[in-house]
């Protein structure tokens, strides 16, 4: 009971970050919206009454910034939940959602879609299918190796397949038209939510909700799976089935987020550590906290990406700039606690 009470301040802080991120995102931009106007819009939505505000204010908030805000929250939550699950499953704090090749597979699918001049929906579908296919290949190869630790085999196979997929991305970029296709590939690989529209939300949000629901349903089993396989089996866990379910759910949310936003690094690596500092290691508290905190942090970073400079900064660049000092600080604090 005391542990549950001590987790409340961290959970409240995560919710506060998300709320602050949403206010920041809706208010900031080339067309500024005041907090008073946001309050009137929220009241009109809750009461189904007219807000009395100019039409351009409602258009900017609901139709232009609204889909992007929801997409940023979904992508941040997806990467954070996937990173949390993978770090627990592989018992390694340096694991991120792309460890099994999901990001590399999705990136290869996307650049192939650009090479063959597919539309935006075709590129997103190719990226989604590429991410799922890459992890399926990694899992099949890892499962075929009967000797050795299955977790270690998955990790090593993921690194090898990811390197191969990276070479495939390089080959496609080399073959691409340097004037039209190559810039589009480079921009997509850097990550961005600039092109998100309301029609893009369903293909993103539905897989994220489904995969996150599975991981939340398995939150108690994740606590057991963070133990060595022998100990987990002695507690009655069906390690092979649980590992497959966790990998499939985490891959689903990762592939969906990469298909929608491109390759966005660091979020799935750093946020699980921050959430762990706030609420502790139990996955019953850690998974929802990581989802809320990741959604809020990526929303803030995306708002900075579109407001810091006259030209929008790619998300992948900004998350690396923000994530690197965060992670160095986390490593130093962990070293000080261990000393």
Protein backbone atom coordinates (compact mmCIF):
# COMPACT_ATOMS: atom_id res chain seq x y z
CA UNK A 1 0.00 0.00 0.00
CA UNK A 2 2.74 2.59 0.74
CA UNK A 3 4.33 1.84 -2.64
CA UNK A 4 1.03 2.57 -4.37
CA UNK A 5 0.69 5.89 -2.50
CA UNK A 6 4.24 6.93 -3.32
CA UNK A 7 3.56 6.47 -7.02
CA UNK A 8 0.79 9.10 -7.07
CA UNK A 9 3.06 12.19 -7.26
CA UNK A 10 4.88 10.75 -10.26
CA UNK A 11 1.64 9.86 -12.04
CA UNK A 12 0.23 13.33 -11.38
CA UNK A 13 3.43 14.88 -12.75
CA UNK A 14 3.11 12.80 -15.95
CA UNK A 15 -0.49 13.97 -16.42
CA UNK A 16 0.62 17.56 -15.79
CA UNK A 17 3.28 17.24 -18.51
CA UNK A 18 0.65 15.99 -20.96
CA UNK A 19 -1.79 18.78 -20.07
CA UNK A 20 0.91 21.44 -20.35
CA UNK A 21 2.01 19.98 -23.68
CA UNK A 22 -1.52 20.14 -25.07
CA UNK A 23 -1.99 23.76 -23.98
CA UNK A 24 1.41 24.66 -25.44
CA UNK A 25 0.68 22.89 -28.72
CA UNK A 26 -2.78 24.39 -29.24
CA UNK A 27 -1.67 27.92 -28.31
CA UNK A 28 1.68 28.25 -30.12
CA UNK A 29 2.29 28.64 -33.83
CA UNK A 30 2.27 31.20 -36.61
CA UNK A 31 -1.33 31.97 -35.62
CA UNK A 32 -1.31 32.51 -31.84
CA UNK A 33 -4.30 31.37 -29.78
CA UNK A 34 -4.71 32.70 -26.24
CA UNK A 35 -5.49 30.56 -23.20
CA UNK A 36 -8.79 32.42 -22.84
CA UNK A 37 -9.78 31.45 -26.39
CA UNK A 38 -8.78 27.84 -25.71
CA UNK A 39 -10.94 27.90 -22.59
CA UNK A 40 -13.94 29.18 -24.55
CA UNK A 41 -13.43 26.51 -27.20
CA UNK A 42 -13.24 23.78 -24.53
CA UNK A 43 -16.40 25.09 -22.86
CA UNK A 44 -18.26 25.19 -26.18
CA UNK A 45 -17.20 21.61 -26.88
CA UNK A 46 -18.35 20.43 -23.45
CA UNK A 47 -21.69 22.25 -23.59
CA UNK A 48 -22.33 21.88 -27.36
CA UNK A 49 -22.79 25.64 -27.63
CA UNK A 50 -21.29 28.15 -30.04
CA UNK A 51 -17.99 29.58 -28.84
CA UNK A 52 -18.54 33.04 -30.33
CA UNK A 53 -14.95 33.08 -31.57
CA UNK A 54 -13.91 33.93 -35.15
CA UNK A 55 -14.12 30.99 -37.52
CA UNK A 56 -10.39 31.07 -38.23
CA UNK A 57 -9.61 30.42 -34.56
CA UNK A 58 -11.78 27.29 -34.51
CA UNK A 59 -10.31 26.15 -37.83
CA UNK A 60 -6.73 26.49 -36.58
CA UNK A 61 -7.40 24.69 -33.29
CA UNK A 62 -9.68 21.85 -34.40
CA UNK A 63 -8.77 21.19 -38.04
CA UNK A 64 -5.09 22.15 -38.32
CA UNK A 65 -3.54 21.67 -34.89
CA UNK A 66 -6.01 19.13 -33.53
CA UNK A 67 -4.99 16.14 -35.72
CA UNK A 68 -1.31 16.90 -35.22
CA UNK A 69 -1.70 17.12 -31.43
CA UNK A 70 -3.51 13.78 -31.31
CA UNK A 71 -0.92 12.18 -33.61
CA UNK A 72 1.99 13.46 -31.49
CA UNK A 73 0.40 12.09 -28.32
CA UNK A 74 -0.29 8.72 -29.98
CA UNK A 75 3.23 8.40 -31.41
CA UNK A 76 4.91 9.44 -28.16
CA UNK A 77 2.76 7.06 -26.12
CA UNK A 78 3.34 4.21 -28.57
CA UNK A 79 7.13 4.53 -28.61
CA UNK A 80 7.27 4.91 -24.83
CA UNK A 81 5.07 1.89 -24.14
CA UNK A 82 7.01 -0.22 -26.64
CA UNK A 83 10.33 0.84 -25.15
CA UNK A 84 9.11 0.06 -21.63
CA UNK A 85 7.92 -3.40 -22.68
CA UNK A 86 11.11 -4.24 -24.57
CA UNK A 87 13.38 -3.05 -21.75
CA UNK A 88 11.53 -5.28 -19.31
CA UNK A 89 11.30 -8.25 -21.67
CA UNK A 90 14.98 -8.17 -22.64
CA UNK A 91 16.11 -7.13 -19.15
CA UNK A 92 18.25 -4.40 -20.68
CA UNK A 93 17.84 -0.65 -19.96
CA UNK A 94 19.52 0.27 -23.25
CA UNK A 95 16.90 -1.43 -25.44
CA UNK A 96 14.67 0.80 -27.56
CA UNK A 97 11.60 0.03 -29.75
CA UNK A 98 13.73 -0.42 -32.87
CA UNK A 99 15.89 -3.17 -31.33
CA UNK A 100 14.13 -5.93 -33.34
CA UNK A 101 14.27 -4.06 -36.63
CA UNK A 102 10.78 -2.55 -36.60
CA UNK A 103 11.99 0.98 -37.37
CA UNK A 104 14.48 -0.20 -40.00
CA UNK A 105 11.86 -2.41 -41.66
CA UNK A 106 9.32 0.40 -41.69
CA UNK A 107 11.92 2.78 -43.09
CA UNK A 108 12.80 0.34 -45.87
CA UNK A 109 9.13 -0.07 -46.73
CA UNK A 110 8.66 3.70 -46.84
CA UNK A 111 11.65 4.43 -49.08
CA UNK A 112 10.52 1.63 -51.41
CA UNK A 113 7.09 3.26 -51.53
CA UNK A 114 8.71 6.59 -52.42
CA UNK A 115 10.92 4.89 -55.03
CA UNK A 116 7.87 3.37 -56.74
CA UNK A 117 5.98 6.69 -56.51
CA UNK A 118 3.18 5.44 -54.28
CA UNK A 119 0.82 7.93 -52.70
CA UNK A 120 0.95 8.93 -49.05
CA UNK A 121 -1.35 6.08 -48.00
CA UNK A 122 0.69 3.60 -50.04
CA UNK A 123 3.91 4.79 -48.38
CA UNK A 124 2.39 4.50 -44.91
CA UNK A 125 1.03 1.03 -45.69
CA UNK A 126 4.42 -0.07 -47.02
CA UNK A 127 6.13 1.27 -43.91
CA UNK A 128 3.66 -0.49 -41.61
CA UNK A 129 4.00 -3.79 -43.47
CA UNK A 130 7.80 -3.46 -43.55
CA UNK A 131 8.01 -3.01 -39.79
CA UNK A 132 5.84 -6.02 -39.06
CA UNK A 133 7.65 -8.19 -41.64
CA UNK A 134 11.08 -7.26 -40.23
CA UNK A 135 10.18 -8.25 -36.68
CA UNK A 136 8.49 -11.44 -37.90
CA UNK A 137 11.72 -12.37 -39.69
CA UNK A 138 13.79 -11.60 -36.59
CA UNK A 139 11.49 -13.66 -34.39
CA UNK A 140 11.48 -16.64 -36.75
CA UNK A 141 15.28 -16.61 -37.04
CA UNK A 142 15.74 -16.18 -33.31
CA UNK A 143 13.27 -18.95 -32.48
CA UNK A 144 15.01 -21.32 -34.88
CA UNK A 145 18.20 -21.15 -32.81
CA UNK A 146 17.52 -23.79 -30.19
CA UNK A 147 20.72 -23.40 -28.21
CA UNK A 148 21.47 -20.46 -25.97
CA UNK A 149 19.39 -17.85 -24.19
CA UNK A 150 16.32 -17.07 -26.37
CA UNK A 151 16.33 -13.43 -25.26
CA UNK A 152 19.96 -13.01 -26.27
CA UNK A 153 19.30 -14.77 -29.58
CA UNK A 154 16.47 -12.34 -30.35
CA UNK A 155 18.65 -9.36 -29.53
CA UNK A 156 21.54 -10.54 -31.69
CA UNK A 157 19.25 -11.46 -34.56
CA UNK A 158 17.58 -8.06 -34.33
CA UNK A 159 20.94 -6.29 -34.56
CA UNK A 160 22.01 -8.35 -37.59
CA UNK A 161 18.71 -8.00 -39.47
CA UNK A 162 18.59 -4.29 -38.63
CA UNK A 163 22.03 -3.82 -40.17
CA UNK A 164 20.91 -5.67 -43.30
CA UNK A 165 17.80 -3.52 -43.57
CA UNK A 166 19.93 -0.41 -43.13
CA UNK A 167 22.03 -1.53 -46.08
CA UNK A 168 18.83 -2.00 -48.09
CA UNK A 169 17.77 1.57 -47.24
CA UNK A 170 21.15 2.83 -48.43
CA UNK A 171 20.80 0.91 -51.70
CA UNK A 172 17.32 2.30 -52.37
CA UNK A 173 18.54 5.85 -51.68
CA UNK A 174 21.45 5.27 -54.09
CA UNK A 175 19.04 4.17 -56.83
CA UNK A 176 16.56 6.98 -56.21
CA UNK A 177 16.14 10.09 -58.33
CA UNK A 178 18.48 12.61 -56.63
CA UNK A 179 16.24 15.59 -57.43
CA UNK A 180 12.81 14.39 -56.33
CA UNK A 181 12.82 11.02 -54.59
CA UNK A 182 16.05 11.28 -52.57
CA UNK A 183 15.06 14.51 -50.74
CA UNK A 184 11.66 12.98 -49.92
CA UNK A 185 13.35 9.85 -48.52
CA UNK A 186 15.81 11.86 -46.46
CA UNK A 187 13.08 14.07 -45.01
CA UNK A 188 10.88 11.07 -44.16
CA UNK A 189 13.75 9.26 -42.43
CA UNK A 190 14.36 12.29 -40.20
CA UNK A 191 10.80 12.09 -38.84
CA UNK A 192 8.01 14.65 -39.00
CA UNK A 193 4.33 15.14 -38.22
CA UNK A 194 3.93 18.04 -40.65
CA UNK A 195 1.79 16.11 -43.11
CA UNK A 196 -0.65 14.62 -40.58
CA UNK A 197 -4.31 15.13 -41.40
CA UNK A 198 -7.52 13.95 -39.75
CA UNK A 199 -7.73 11.04 -42.21
CA UNK A 200 -4.35 9.75 -40.97
CA UNK A 201 -5.48 9.36 -37.36
CA UNK A 202 -7.44 6.12 -37.68
CA UNK A 203 -4.56 4.08 -39.21
CA UNK A 204 -2.34 5.40 -36.41
CA UNK A 205 -4.58 5.41 -33.36
CA UNK A 206 -6.30 2.04 -33.91
CA UNK A 207 -3.09 -0.09 -33.89
CA UNK A 208 -1.65 1.98 -31.03
CA UNK A 209 -4.75 1.45 -28.89
CA UNK A 210 -4.87 -2.27 -29.73
CA UNK A 211 -1.19 -2.92 -28.98
CA UNK A 212 -1.23 -0.79 -25.83
CA UNK A 213 -4.34 -2.58 -24.56
CA UNK A 214 -2.58 -5.95 -24.97
CA UNK A 215 0.51 -4.72 -23.10
CA UNK A 216 -1.62 -3.27 -20.31
CA UNK A 217 -3.49 -6.57 -20.04
CA UNK A 218 -0.12 -8.34 -19.69
CA UNK A 219 1.31 -5.85 -17.19
CA UNK A 220 1.51 -8.38 -14.35
CA UNK A 221 3.08 -11.00 -16.63
CA UNK A 222 5.65 -8.40 -17.72
CA UNK A 223 6.83 -8.21 -14.11
CA UNK A 224 7.45 -11.96 -14.22
CA UNK A 225 9.02 -11.87 -17.69
CA UNK A 226 11.61 -9.39 -16.46
CA UNK A 227 13.06 -12.29 -14.44
CA UNK A 228 15.35 -14.93 -16.00
CA UNK A 229 13.44 -17.55 -17.99
CA UNK A 230 14.02 -20.33 -15.45
CA UNK A 231 12.58 -18.26 -12.62
CA UNK A 232 9.66 -17.08 -14.75
CA UNK A 233 8.76 -20.66 -15.69
CA UNK A 234 9.02 -21.73 -12.06
CA UNK A 235 6.35 -19.14 -11.26
CA UNK A 236 4.04 -20.67 -13.88
CA UNK A 237 4.66 -18.24 -16.76
CA UNK A 238 4.42 -19.60 -20.30
CA UNK A 239 7.49 -17.69 -21.38
CA UNK A 240 7.41 -18.52 -25.10
CA UNK A 241 3.77 -17.52 -25.58
CA UNK A 242 4.11 -14.41 -23.44
CA UNK A 243 7.27 -13.33 -25.24
CA UNK A 244 5.54 -13.67 -28.61
CA UNK A 245 2.50 -11.69 -27.43
CA UNK A 246 4.62 -8.89 -25.95
CA UNK A 247 6.85 -8.64 -29.02
CA UNK A 248 3.83 -8.63 -31.35
CA UNK A 249 2.01 -5.89 -29.41
CA UNK A 250 5.09 -3.69 -29.02
CA UNK A 251 5.93 -4.15 -32.70
CA UNK A 252 2.40 -3.22 -33.75
CA UNK A 253 2.50 0.14 -31.95
CA UNK A 254 6.06 0.83 -33.14
CA UNK A 255 5.27 0.08 -36.79
CA UNK A 256 2.15 2.25 -36.66
CA UNK A 257 4.04 5.19 -35.18
CA UNK A 258 6.95 4.93 -37.62
CA UNK A 259 4.53 4.65 -40.56
CA UNK A 260 2.82 7.87 -39.49
CA UNK A 261 5.75 9.99 -38.29
CA UNK A 262 8.90 8.50 -39.77
CA UNK A 263 11.88 7.47 -37.66
CA UNK A 264 11.72 9.24 -34.28
CA UNK A 265 14.53 8.16 -31.98
CA UNK A 266 15.28 8.49 -28.26
CA UNK A 267 11.68 8.70 -27.04
CA UNK A 268 11.34 4.94 -26.52
CA UNK A 269 14.75 4.82 -24.82
CA UNK A 270 14.59 7.81 -22.46
CA UNK A 271 10.92 7.99 -21.41
CA UNK A 272 10.81 4.50 -19.77
CA UNK A 273 13.71 5.57 -17.54
CA UNK A 274 11.97 8.81 -16.58
CA UNK A 275 8.73 6.95 -15.85
CA UNK A 276 10.62 4.41 -13.75
CA UNK A 277 12.08 7.23 -11.66
CA UNK A 278 8.58 8.64 -11.12
CA UNK A 279 6.56 5.52 -10.23
CA UNK A 280 8.99 2.63 -9.74
CA UNK A 281 9.58 -0.59 -11.66
CA UNK A 282 6.16 -2.26 -11.41
CA UNK A 283 4.67 -2.46 -14.90
CA UNK A 284 1.15 -1.95 -13.54
CA UNK A 285 2.13 1.67 -12.87
CA UNK A 286 5.05 1.99 -15.28
CA UNK A 287 3.22 1.31 -18.57
CA UNK A 288 0.40 3.89 -18.20
CA UNK A 289 2.80 6.47 -16.77
CA UNK A 290 5.23 5.98 -19.67
CA UNK A 291 2.36 6.33 -22.17
CA UNK A 292 1.13 9.61 -20.65
CA UNK A 293 4.62 11.03 -20.13
CA UNK A 294 5.82 10.02 -23.60
CA UNK A 295 2.78 11.54 -25.26
CA UNK A 296 3.29 14.82 -23.41
CA UNK A 297 7.02 15.04 -24.05
CA UNK A 298 6.78 14.30 -27.78
CA UNK A 299 3.95 16.82 -28.06
CA UNK A 300 6.18 19.49 -26.50
CA UNK A 301 9.09 18.54 -28.77
CA UNK A 302 6.85 18.60 -31.86
CA UNK A 303 5.57 22.06 -30.92
CA UNK A 304 9.15 23.27 -30.56
CA UNK A 305 9.97 21.68 -33.93
CA UNK A 306 7.38 23.82 -35.71
CA UNK A 307 7.93 27.06 -33.73
CA UNK A 308 11.66 27.38 -33.00
CA UNK A 309 12.74 28.33 -36.52
CA UNK A 310 11.15 29.75 -39.68
CA UNK A 311 11.54 26.28 -41.23
CA UNK A 312 10.22 23.24 -39.35
CA UNK A 313 12.94 21.16 -37.67
CA UNK A 314 12.68 17.39 -38.26
CA UNK A 315 11.54 15.50 -35.18
CA UNK A 316 14.41 13.00 -35.31
CA UNK A 317 16.96 15.80 -35.00
CA UNK A 318 15.20 17.53 -32.13
CA UNK A 319 14.55 14.34 -30.14
CA UNK A 320 18.26 13.49 -30.40
CA UNK A 321 19.25 16.98 -29.24
CA UNK A 322 16.86 16.79 -26.28
CA UNK A 323 17.26 13.08 -25.54
CA UNK A 324 21.06 12.90 -25.40
CA UNK A 325 21.59 15.23 -22.39
CA UNK A 326 18.56 13.65 -20.67
CA UNK A 327 20.06 10.19 -21.01
CA UNK A 328 23.53 11.33 -19.90
CA UNK A 329 21.93 12.87 -16.79
CA UNK A 330 20.04 9.63 -16.12
CA UNK A 331 23.26 7.60 -16.40
CA UNK A 332 25.06 9.94 -14.01
CA UNK A 333 22.24 9.81 -11.45
CA UNK A 334 22.18 6.01 -11.65
CA UNK A 335 25.95 5.89 -11.16
CA UNK A 336 25.70 8.19 -8.12
CA UNK A 337 22.99 6.04 -6.56
CA UNK A 338 25.10 2.91 -7.10
CA UNK A 339 28.22 4.50 -5.59
